[in-house]
Protein backbone atom coordinates (compact mmCIF):
# COMPACT_ATOMS: atom_id res chain seq x y z
CA UNK A 1 -0.06 -3.68 -23.88
CA UNK A 2 2.57 -2.06 -21.72
CA UNK A 3 5.35 -3.70 -19.74
CA UNK A 4 7.06 -1.75 -16.96
CA UNK A 5 10.39 -3.15 -15.81
CA UNK A 6 11.43 -2.81 -12.19
CA UNK A 7 14.35 -0.62 -13.31
CA UNK A 8 11.74 1.90 -14.58
CA UNK A 9 9.90 2.20 -11.25
CA UNK A 10 9.90 5.16 -8.92
CA UNK A 11 11.39 4.10 -5.58
CA UNK A 12 9.95 5.83 -2.50
CA UNK A 13 10.96 5.37 1.16
CA UNK A 14 8.25 7.10 3.22
CA UNK A 15 9.64 5.63 6.47
CA UNK A 16 12.91 3.84 7.34
CA UNK A 17 11.15 0.44 7.25
CA UNK A 18 9.04 1.00 4.12
CA UNK A 19 10.13 0.78 0.47
CA UNK A 20 7.66 1.33 -2.38
CA UNK A 21 8.28 0.74 -6.10
CA UNK A 22 5.66 2.59 -8.17
CA UNK A 23 4.96 1.10 -11.61
CA UNK A 24 3.72 3.85 -13.92
CA UNK A 25 1.42 2.86 -16.78
CA UNK A 26 -0.37 4.96 -19.37
CA UNK A 27 -3.85 4.16 -18.06
CA UNK A 28 -5.57 6.72 -15.77
CA UNK A 29 -8.03 4.26 -14.23
CA UNK A 30 -5.53 1.95 -12.48
CA UNK A 31 -2.00 1.78 -11.07
CA UNK A 32 0.22 -0.67 -9.21
CA UNK A 33 3.11 -0.79 -6.77
CA UNK A 34 5.12 -3.24 -4.73
CA UNK A 35 5.85 -2.47 -1.11
CA UNK A 36 8.18 -4.00 1.45
CA UNK A 37 7.41 -3.23 5.09
CA UNK A 38 9.57 -4.06 8.08
CA UNK A 39 7.87 -2.51 11.10
CA UNK A 40 4.88 -0.18 10.98
CA UNK A 41 3.54 2.12 8.28
CA UNK A 42 2.78 4.81 9.04
CA UNK A 43 4.98 4.90 12.10
CA UNK A 44 2.28 6.87 14.00
CA UNK A 45 -1.42 7.22 13.24
CA UNK A 46 -3.14 5.89 10.14
CA UNK A 47 -2.99 6.23 6.36
CA UNK A 48 -6.05 7.03 4.27
CA UNK A 49 -6.60 7.21 0.52
CA UNK A 50 -9.27 9.82 -0.11
CA UNK A 51 -9.94 8.85 -3.77
CA UNK A 52 -8.70 5.38 -4.70
CA UNK A 53 -9.69 1.90 -3.62
CA UNK A 54 -6.81 -0.52 -3.00
CA UNK A 55 -6.55 -4.24 -3.64
CA UNK A 56 -3.51 -5.78 -1.95
CA UNK A 57 -1.92 -9.21 -2.50
CA UNK A 58 0.55 -10.38 0.17
CA UNK A 59 3.57 -11.75 -1.74
CA UNK A 60 5.54 -12.96 1.28
CA UNK A 61 5.73 -12.63 5.04
CA UNK A 62 2.96 -11.79 7.48
CA UNK A 63 1.62 -9.02 9.61
CA UNK A 64 -1.43 -7.07 10.69
CA UNK A 65 -3.63 -4.43 9.17
CA UNK A 66 -4.74 -2.04 11.87
CA UNK A 67 -7.80 0.24 11.90
CA UNK A 68 -8.92 2.55 14.72
CA UNK A 69 -11.20 -0.23 16.01
CA UNK A 70 -9.59 -3.51 14.90
CA UNK A 71 -6.38 -5.41 14.17
CA UNK A 72 -6.49 -8.30 11.68
CA UNK A 73 -3.67 -10.76 10.90
CA UNK A 74 -2.67 -11.71 7.36
CA UNK A 75 -0.09 -13.97 5.75
CA UNK A 76 1.38 -14.87 2.38
CA UNK A 77 -1.18 -15.25 -0.45
CA UNK A 78 -3.93 -13.33 1.37
CA UNK A 79 -5.80 -10.54 -0.42
CA UNK A 80 -6.95 -7.37 1.35
CA UNK A 81 -9.42 -4.80 0.01
CA UNK A 82 -9.27 -1.24 1.36
CA UNK A 83 -12.07 1.12 0.38
CA UNK A 84 -11.43 4.82 -0.13
CA UNK A 85 -11.55 6.88 3.08
CA UNK A 86 -10.78 3.86 5.32
CA UNK A 87 -8.13 4.52 7.97
CA UNK A 88 -5.45 1.81 8.17
CA UNK A 89 -1.88 1.02 9.20
CA UNK A 90 0.40 -1.91 8.33
CA UNK A 91 2.48 -3.80 10.91
CA UNK A 92 4.86 -6.70 10.26
CA UNK A 93 7.56 -7.95 7.94
CA UNK A 94 6.13 -8.60 4.49
CA UNK A 95 6.00 -7.63 0.83
CA UNK A 96 2.84 -6.89 -1.12
CA UNK A 97 1.54 -5.84 -4.52
CA UNK A 98 -1.05 -3.06 -4.46
CA UNK A 99 -3.47 -2.10 -7.22
CA UNK A 100 -5.27 1.22 -6.92
CA UNK A 101 -8.26 2.45 -8.87
CA UNK A 102 -8.43 5.15 -10.01
CA UNK A 103 -4.70 5.68 -10.53
CA UNK A 104 -2.76 6.54 -7.37
CA UNK A 105 -1.84 10.17 -6.78
CA UNK A 106 0.24 11.08 -3.71
CA UNK A 107 -2.01 14.13 -3.13
CA UNK A 108 -4.90 11.82 -2.21
CA UNK A 109 -2.88 9.76 0.30
CA UNK A 110 -2.82 11.26 3.79
CA UNK A 111 -1.34 10.22 7.12
CA UNK A 112 -3.41 11.12 10.19
CA UNK A 113 -2.14 11.43 13.74
CA UNK A 114 -5.29 9.78 15.19
């Protein structure tokens, strides 16, 4: 068992309206993070994870997940699955918990200008 306290997280602010707290665990097959978004992430284009799948739980708030061909609303307590290589963007004011498998590595997360 491993417990990671919030004070031990790595805080990242990839855009002015996005704050991520990465929870590092000693298991290479999975990782987790909380994210607060106020606006759009990424600000332009779409994000894509080239290796990991993501399972997202919306803790509070609401918004939209946007793909090149669709925009879908979500709200508190919804769960969203994002497969690897899917293009997406977040829009709204909300907080979420994300689980990635295998473990998240920033090198596999890209932002496109599409």
